[in-house]
Amino acid sequence: MKVGRAVVLAMLPVVAGADAWATPPEALPDVRASVRVTGPAPCPDEASLRGIVEEILGRPLAGDGTEQVGVDVGFRADGVNGWEARIRMTEGGRPAGERILHDRGVACSALAGPTGLVIALMVEAHRPKTRLQAPPQPEPTVKAMVMGAPEIPEPVRWGMGAVADVRGSWGALPGAALGFSLGADVTPPGAFPMRLSMTMWPAKETTDGGRGGRFALWYAGLEACPGWISEAAHVTVCSGVHAGQLQGAGVGLAQAREPRHAWVHLSTVLDAGVRLGGPFGLHASVGAAVPFHRPTFVYGMADGTEDEVHRSAPVVPMIGIGLEAVVPP
């Protein structure tokens, strides 16, 4: 008798399992759920997301206060790398699961369909088998319909950056000179960076026998910077044109003028940088500038002759080191 009872008890789980498998998925009750959404305005709101989930499930979620589970969705920007949807489900007030969905696109609305699908799968997790509708997709363009394939436009992404350098040069001003530069980088979609910069070279003095001149230079320009660029480092070659002003002033002269001359040059600079942490990095550069016009500064001697004080070199070598902040496209 005891052996028979043991056999019956051992068979109970098998019988119960067989009964569960024998229950067709469509006979299982539908789970009623509520959906609550928080997030900035560009993201899907509660009504639109609930509509997407109901379209995927092919049935309404709730509406009469009989919800068995609650779904909370929080949308937020994920730094500079896209958008995130955090989906939490509760049952009877207790946590019943959490999913995090990430998208690298620039539009939070791109998360609507995938988020709705994840919610539908969580709501239907009690079924061993279920049938869902695919989440809605963007309408194909006329070009895509003609070509016979759906076309999803690529997001437009612009990269941004800023640089601050300490620079050294030889030949633009008398001898070696020290200056500083500020720049802003813009990377159009699918193109290489463009740099708009301004450079200042403080006054540098040269004298001979107490007589001479003091010279200062500034210029601004636009450069194109193609090269190898990754999230951790970059090596680019920046070439462009710069324009500004070269100013001189006499030193130790009875009659001194302060002539100003337009300064225009072409430059090519090799720039290499590494990321330090977050958007910030360290970079160094080496290159040269070729001025279009090299004015000569002279002073008159007592015998009527002229003595040259300064004339810029035909090629001006430059080096630089500084900090950068980069927001990649």
Protein backbone atom coordinates (compact mmCIF):
# COMPACT_ATOMS: atom_id res chain seq x y z
CA MET A 1 0.00 0.00 0.00
CA LYS A 2 2.82 2.38 0.87
CA VAL A 3 4.57 1.57 -2.40
CA GLY A 4 1.40 2.30 -4.38
CA ARG A 5 0.95 5.66 -2.62
CA ALA A 6 4.57 6.57 -3.42
CA VAL A 7 4.04 5.79 -7.11
CA VAL A 8 0.91 7.95 -7.21
CA LEU A 9 2.69 10.88 -5.51
CA ALA A 10 5.62 10.59 -7.92
CA MET A 11 3.27 10.71 -10.90
CA LEU A 12 1.46 13.90 -9.81
CA PRO A 13 4.03 16.40 -11.22
CA VAL A 14 4.12 14.53 -14.51
CA VAL A 15 0.34 14.58 -14.80
CA ALA A 16 0.22 18.27 -13.88
CA GLY A 17 2.92 19.10 -16.42
CA ALA A 18 1.16 17.13 -19.11
CA ASP A 19 -2.04 19.04 -18.37
CA ALA A 20 -0.20 22.40 -18.68
CA TRP A 21 1.32 21.41 -22.01
CA ALA A 22 -2.03 20.14 -23.15
CA THR A 23 -3.57 23.61 -22.60
CA PRO A 24 -3.42 25.43 -25.97
CA PRO A 25 -1.78 28.89 -25.78
CA GLU A 26 -4.90 30.57 -27.10
CA ALA A 27 -6.89 29.17 -24.15
CA LEU A 28 -4.70 30.92 -21.57
CA PRO A 29 -6.21 34.16 -20.22
CA ASP A 30 -4.96 37.49 -21.57
CA VAL A 31 -2.88 39.52 -19.15
CA ARG A 32 -4.36 42.97 -18.56
CA ALA A 33 -1.72 45.69 -18.27
CA SER A 34 -1.39 49.41 -17.78
CA VAL A 35 1.38 51.49 -19.40
CA ARG A 36 2.84 54.66 -17.90
CA VAL A 37 5.43 56.74 -19.78
CA THR A 38 7.84 59.48 -18.69
CA GLY A 39 10.34 61.30 -20.87
CA PRO A 40 11.02 64.49 -22.87
CA ALA A 41 8.63 65.74 -25.53
CA PRO A 42 10.43 64.26 -28.60
CA CYS A 43 9.85 60.74 -27.22
CA PRO A 44 6.64 58.65 -27.62
CA ASP A 45 3.89 59.64 -25.19
CA GLU A 46 1.69 57.28 -23.20
CA ALA A 47 -1.18 57.16 -25.67
CA SER A 48 0.96 56.50 -28.75
CA LEU A 49 3.05 53.82 -27.03
CA ARG A 50 -0.04 52.03 -25.67
CA GLY A 51 -1.49 52.08 -29.20
CA ILE A 52 1.69 50.48 -30.60
CA VAL A 53 1.63 47.72 -27.95
CA GLU A 54 -2.05 46.99 -28.61
CA GLU A 55 -1.36 46.82 -32.35
CA ILE A 56 1.46 44.32 -31.75
CA LEU A 57 -0.69 42.20 -29.39
CA GLY A 58 -3.82 42.47 -31.52
CA ARG A 59 -5.97 43.27 -28.48
CA PRO A 60 -6.54 46.07 -25.94
CA LEU A 61 -4.28 46.18 -22.89
CA ALA A 62 -6.72 47.47 -20.26
CA GLY A 63 -9.47 49.93 -19.74
CA ASP A 64 -11.68 48.85 -16.88
CA GLY A 65 -9.29 48.94 -13.91
CA THR A 66 -8.66 45.18 -13.93
CA GLU A 67 -4.96 45.36 -14.77
CA GLN A 68 -2.86 42.52 -13.35
CA VAL A 69 0.51 44.11 -14.22
CA GLY A 70 1.84 47.60 -14.60
CA VAL A 71 4.50 48.69 -17.10
CA ASP A 72 6.54 51.85 -16.47
CA VAL A 73 8.65 53.22 -19.35
CA GLY A 74 11.22 55.98 -18.89
CA PHE A 75 12.86 57.60 -21.92
CA ARG A 76 16.04 59.65 -21.52
CA ALA A 77 18.95 60.94 -23.58
CA ASP A 78 22.01 58.72 -23.14
CA GLY A 79 24.77 61.36 -23.10
CA VAL A 80 25.98 62.01 -26.67
CA ASN A 81 25.39 58.44 -27.83
CA GLY A 82 21.64 58.34 -28.48
CA TRP A 83 18.54 57.46 -26.43
CA GLU A 84 17.58 54.90 -23.79
CA ALA A 85 14.25 53.32 -22.80
CA ARG A 86 14.08 51.69 -19.35
CA ILE A 87 11.09 49.33 -19.08
CA ARG A 88 9.98 48.04 -15.64
CA MET A 89 7.06 45.65 -15.03
CA THR A 90 5.35 45.13 -11.67
CA GLU A 91 2.82 42.48 -10.64
CA GLY A 92 0.80 42.99 -7.49
CA GLY A 93 3.07 45.89 -6.58
CA ARG A 94 6.20 43.71 -6.75
CA PRO A 95 8.97 44.00 -9.40
CA ALA A 96 8.43 41.43 -12.16
CA GLY A 97 11.17 42.31 -14.65
CA GLU A 98 13.23 45.13 -16.15
CA ARG A 99 14.58 45.68 -19.67
CA ILE A 100 16.82 48.47 -21.00
CA LEU A 101 16.69 49.36 -24.69
CA HIS A 102 19.34 51.59 -26.29
CA ASP A 103 19.45 53.29 -29.70
CA ARG A 104 22.40 55.31 -31.11
CA GLY A 105 20.16 57.43 -33.35
CA VAL A 106 19.48 61.12 -32.92
CA ALA A 107 15.67 60.71 -32.81
CA CYS A 108 14.00 59.36 -29.65
CA SER A 109 10.96 58.44 -31.75
CA ALA A 110 13.01 55.60 -33.31
CA LEU A 111 12.59 53.72 -30.01
CA ALA A 112 8.78 53.63 -30.25
CA GLY A 113 8.41 50.39 -32.24
CA PRO A 114 11.19 48.42 -30.48
CA THR A 115 9.94 49.54 -27.04
CA GLY A 116 6.40 48.46 -27.90
CA LEU A 117 7.68 45.03 -28.99
CA VAL A 118 9.64 44.56 -25.74
CA ILE A 119 6.54 45.48 -23.68
CA ALA A 120 4.42 43.03 -25.66
CA LEU A 121 6.92 40.22 -25.07
CA MET A 122 7.00 40.97 -21.33
CA VAL A 123 3.19 40.97 -21.11
CA GLU A 124 2.97 37.68 -23.03
CA ALA A 125 5.82 35.98 -21.10
CA HIS A 126 3.33 33.53 -19.46
CA ARG A 127 2.50 31.94 -22.82
CA PRO A 128 4.74 29.14 -24.16
CA LYS A 129 3.79 30.27 -27.65
CA THR A 130 2.34 33.52 -28.94
CA ARG A 131 1.80 35.35 -32.22
CA LEU A 132 2.60 39.07 -32.44
CA GLN A 133 2.35 41.67 -35.16
CA ALA A 134 5.56 43.41 -36.21
CA PRO A 135 5.83 46.98 -34.82
CA PRO A 136 4.94 49.75 -37.28
CA GLN A 137 7.78 50.95 -39.51
CA PRO A 138 8.33 54.33 -41.25
CA GLU A 139 6.50 54.65 -44.54
CA PRO A 140 8.77 53.92 -47.54
CA THR A 141 9.71 56.86 -49.72
CA VAL A 142 8.69 57.14 -53.40
CA LYS A 143 12.25 56.24 -54.39
CA ALA A 144 12.13 53.09 -52.25
CA MET A 145 8.79 52.01 -53.69
CA VAL A 146 10.11 52.43 -57.23
CA MET A 147 13.23 50.43 -56.39
CA GLY A 148 11.11 47.77 -54.67
CA ALA A 149 12.78 47.98 -51.22
CA PRO A 150 11.96 50.01 -48.11
CA GLU A 151 14.23 52.94 -47.51
CA ILE A 152 14.91 54.22 -44.01
CA PRO A 153 16.68 57.59 -44.04
CA GLU A 154 19.96 57.82 -42.20
CA PRO A 155 19.93 60.21 -39.22
CA VAL A 156 21.70 63.51 -39.80
CA ARG A 157 24.60 63.76 -37.38
CA TRP A 158 27.00 66.69 -37.02
CA GLY A 159 30.20 66.41 -35.03
CA MET A 160 31.36 69.38 -32.94
CA GLY A 161 34.60 70.22 -31.18
CA ALA A 162 36.80 72.95 -29.74
CA VAL A 163 40.58 73.36 -29.44
CA ALA A 164 42.86 75.64 -27.43
CA ASP A 165 46.61 75.68 -28.27
CA VAL A 166 49.86 77.24 -27.23
CA ARG A 167 51.94 77.74 -30.39
CA GLY A 168 55.49 78.49 -31.33
CA SER A 169 56.79 79.77 -34.67
CA TRP A 170 59.88 81.15 -36.32
CA GLY A 171 60.03 83.84 -38.97
CA ALA A 172 56.64 85.51 -38.94
CA LEU A 173 57.84 87.89 -36.22
CA PRO A 174 61.52 88.55 -35.49
CA GLY A 175 63.12 85.24 -34.46
CA ALA A 176 61.13 82.73 -32.43
CA ALA A 177 57.69 83.75 -31.17
CA LEU A 178 55.09 82.34 -28.80
CA GLY A 179 51.35 82.68 -29.38
CA PHE A 180 48.01 81.05 -28.70
CA SER A 181 45.11 79.82 -30.82
CA LEU A 182 41.42 79.05 -30.34
CA GLY A 183 39.39 76.99 -32.78
CA ALA A 184 36.03 75.37 -33.38
CA ASP A 185 35.57 72.14 -35.36
CA VAL A 186 32.46 71.15 -37.29
CA THR A 187 32.09 67.74 -38.97
CA PRO A 188 29.25 67.64 -41.53
CA PRO A 189 27.46 64.30 -42.04
CA GLY A 190 29.64 61.94 -44.06
CA ALA A 191 32.47 64.48 -44.43
CA PHE A 192 35.74 65.34 -42.74
CA PRO A 193 36.10 68.06 -40.06
CA MET A 194 36.31 71.76 -40.89
CA ARG A 195 38.16 74.04 -38.46
CA LEU A 196 37.59 77.75 -37.94
CA SER A 197 40.40 79.25 -35.85
CA MET A 198 41.95 82.50 -34.67
CA THR A 199 45.61 82.88 -33.68
CA MET A 200 47.30 85.74 -31.80
CA TRP A 201 51.04 86.39 -31.70
CA PRO A 202 51.81 89.00 -29.01
CA ALA A 203 54.32 91.78 -29.72
CA LYS A 204 57.93 90.73 -30.31
CA GLU A 205 60.73 93.34 -30.28
CA THR A 206 64.02 93.49 -32.17
CA THR A 207 66.64 96.25 -31.77
CA ASP A 208 70.17 97.04 -32.87
CA GLY A 209 71.99 99.75 -30.99
CA GLY A 210 68.82 100.78 -29.23
CA ARG A 211 66.89 101.25 -32.46
CA GLY A 212 64.50 98.79 -34.06
CA GLY A 213 60.87 97.78 -34.00
CA ARG A 214 58.10 95.93 -32.19
CA PHE A 215 55.82 93.61 -34.18
CA ALA A 216 52.57 91.79 -33.53
CA LEU A 217 50.45 89.47 -35.69
CA TRP A 218 46.95 88.03 -35.66
CA TYR A 219 44.97 86.06 -38.20
CA ALA A 220 41.88 83.89 -38.57
CA GLY A 221 41.17 81.15 -41.06
CA LEU A 222 39.30 78.09 -42.25
CA GLU A 223 40.90 74.66 -42.67
CA ALA A 224 39.80 71.27 -43.96
CA CYS A 225 41.09 68.38 -41.80
CA PRO A 226 40.82 64.95 -43.46
CA GLY A 227 42.55 61.98 -41.84
CA TRP A 228 42.10 59.00 -39.56
CA ILE A 229 39.63 59.59 -36.71
CA SER A 230 38.43 57.14 -34.04
CA GLU A 231 36.79 57.45 -30.62
CA ALA A 232 40.18 57.13 -28.87
CA ALA A 233 42.59 59.07 -31.14
CA HIS A 234 42.98 60.94 -34.42
CA VAL A 235 45.64 61.90 -36.96
CA THR A 236 44.57 64.59 -39.41
CA VAL A 237 46.17 66.94 -41.92
CA CYS A 238 44.64 70.42 -41.75
CA SER A 239 45.13 72.73 -44.75
CA GLY A 240 43.59 76.13 -45.28
CA VAL A 241 43.90 79.84 -45.78
CA HIS A 242 44.27 82.50 -43.08
CA ALA A 243 44.02 86.28 -43.18
CA GLY A 244 44.80 88.97 -40.63
CA GLN A 245 47.13 91.85 -39.90
CA LEU A 246 50.84 92.35 -39.24
CA GLN A 247 51.56 95.51 -37.26
CA GLY A 248 54.91 97.22 -36.60
CA ALA A 249 56.01 100.08 -34.36
CA GLY A 250 59.37 101.88 -34.21
CA VAL A 251 61.57 101.56 -31.12
CA GLY A 252 64.22 104.20 -30.23
CA LEU A 253 63.51 106.36 -33.28
CA ALA A 254 62.95 110.12 -33.30
CA GLN A 255 60.15 109.76 -35.80
CA ALA A 256 58.34 106.45 -35.72
CA ARG A 257 55.30 105.25 -37.59
CA GLU A 258 53.09 102.26 -36.86
CA PRO A 259 52.44 100.68 -40.25
CA ARG A 260 49.82 97.93 -40.62
CA HIS A 261 49.92 95.40 -43.42
CA ALA A 262 47.42 92.75 -44.48
CA TRP A 263 48.61 89.22 -43.76
CA VAL A 264 47.44 86.24 -45.82
CA HIS A 265 49.00 82.78 -45.81
CA LEU A 266 48.38 79.16 -46.77
CA SER A 267 49.18 76.55 -44.13
CA THR A 268 49.40 72.77 -43.75
CA VAL A 269 49.54 71.22 -40.28
CA LEU A 270 49.80 67.61 -39.12
CA ASP A 271 47.63 67.24 -36.02
CA ALA A 272 47.54 64.17 -33.71
CA GLY A 273 45.44 63.73 -30.58
CA VAL A 274 44.37 61.19 -27.96
CA ARG A 275 41.24 61.10 -25.80
CA LEU A 276 41.90 61.63 -22.07
CA GLY A 277 38.42 60.92 -20.77
CA GLY A 278 34.91 61.78 -21.85
CA PRO A 279 34.98 64.34 -24.66
CA PHE A 280 38.35 65.83 -23.61
CA GLY A 281 41.69 65.10 -25.21
CA LEU A 282 45.28 66.25 -25.69
CA HIS A 283 46.70 67.04 -29.12
CA ALA A 284 49.92 68.30 -30.74
CA SER A 285 50.62 69.75 -34.18
CA VAL A 286 53.51 70.59 -36.47
CA GLY A 287 53.37 72.37 -39.80
CA ALA A 288 54.28 75.43 -41.84
CA ALA A 289 52.75 78.57 -43.33
CA VAL A 290 53.61 80.30 -46.60
CA PRO A 291 52.69 84.03 -46.59
CA PHE A 292 51.48 85.62 -49.83
CA HIS A 293 52.93 89.03 -48.96
CA ARG A 294 56.05 89.75 -46.90
CA PRO A 295 56.22 93.49 -46.10
CA THR A 296 59.63 95.00 -45.26
CA PHE A 297 59.96 97.28 -42.21
CA VAL A 298 62.86 99.77 -42.42
CA TYR A 299 64.08 102.93 -40.73
CA GLY A 300 66.01 105.78 -42.36
CA MET A 301 69.67 106.46 -41.54
CA ALA A 302 71.17 109.92 -41.17
CA ASP A 303 72.96 109.54 -44.50
CA GLY A 304 69.68 108.87 -46.31
CA THR A 305 70.06 105.12 -46.53
CA GLU A 306 67.58 102.66 -45.08
CA ASP A 307 68.21 99.82 -42.65
CA GLU A 308 65.91 96.78 -42.68
CA VAL A 309 64.37 96.04 -39.27
CA HIS A 310 62.25 93.00 -40.14
CA ARG A 311 60.83 91.00 -43.01
CA SER A 312 58.89 87.77 -42.51
CA ALA A 313 60.42 84.51 -43.70
CA PRO A 314 59.10 82.92 -46.92
CA VAL A 315 58.20 79.76 -44.98
CA VAL A 316 57.14 79.95 -41.33
CA PRO A 317 57.45 76.64 -39.39
CA MET A 318 55.00 76.18 -36.49
CA ILE A 319 54.42 73.76 -33.62
CA GLY A 320 51.61 73.58 -31.10
CA ILE A 321 50.21 71.66 -28.14
CA GLY A 322 46.87 72.02 -26.44
CA LEU A 323 43.54 70.64 -25.25
CA GLU A 324 40.51 69.66 -27.27
CA ALA A 325 36.90 68.76 -26.62
CA VAL A 326 35.18 66.54 -29.19
CA VAL A 327 31.56 65.55 -29.68
CA PRO A 328 31.69 62.92 -32.48
CA PRO A 329 28.94 62.61 -35.12
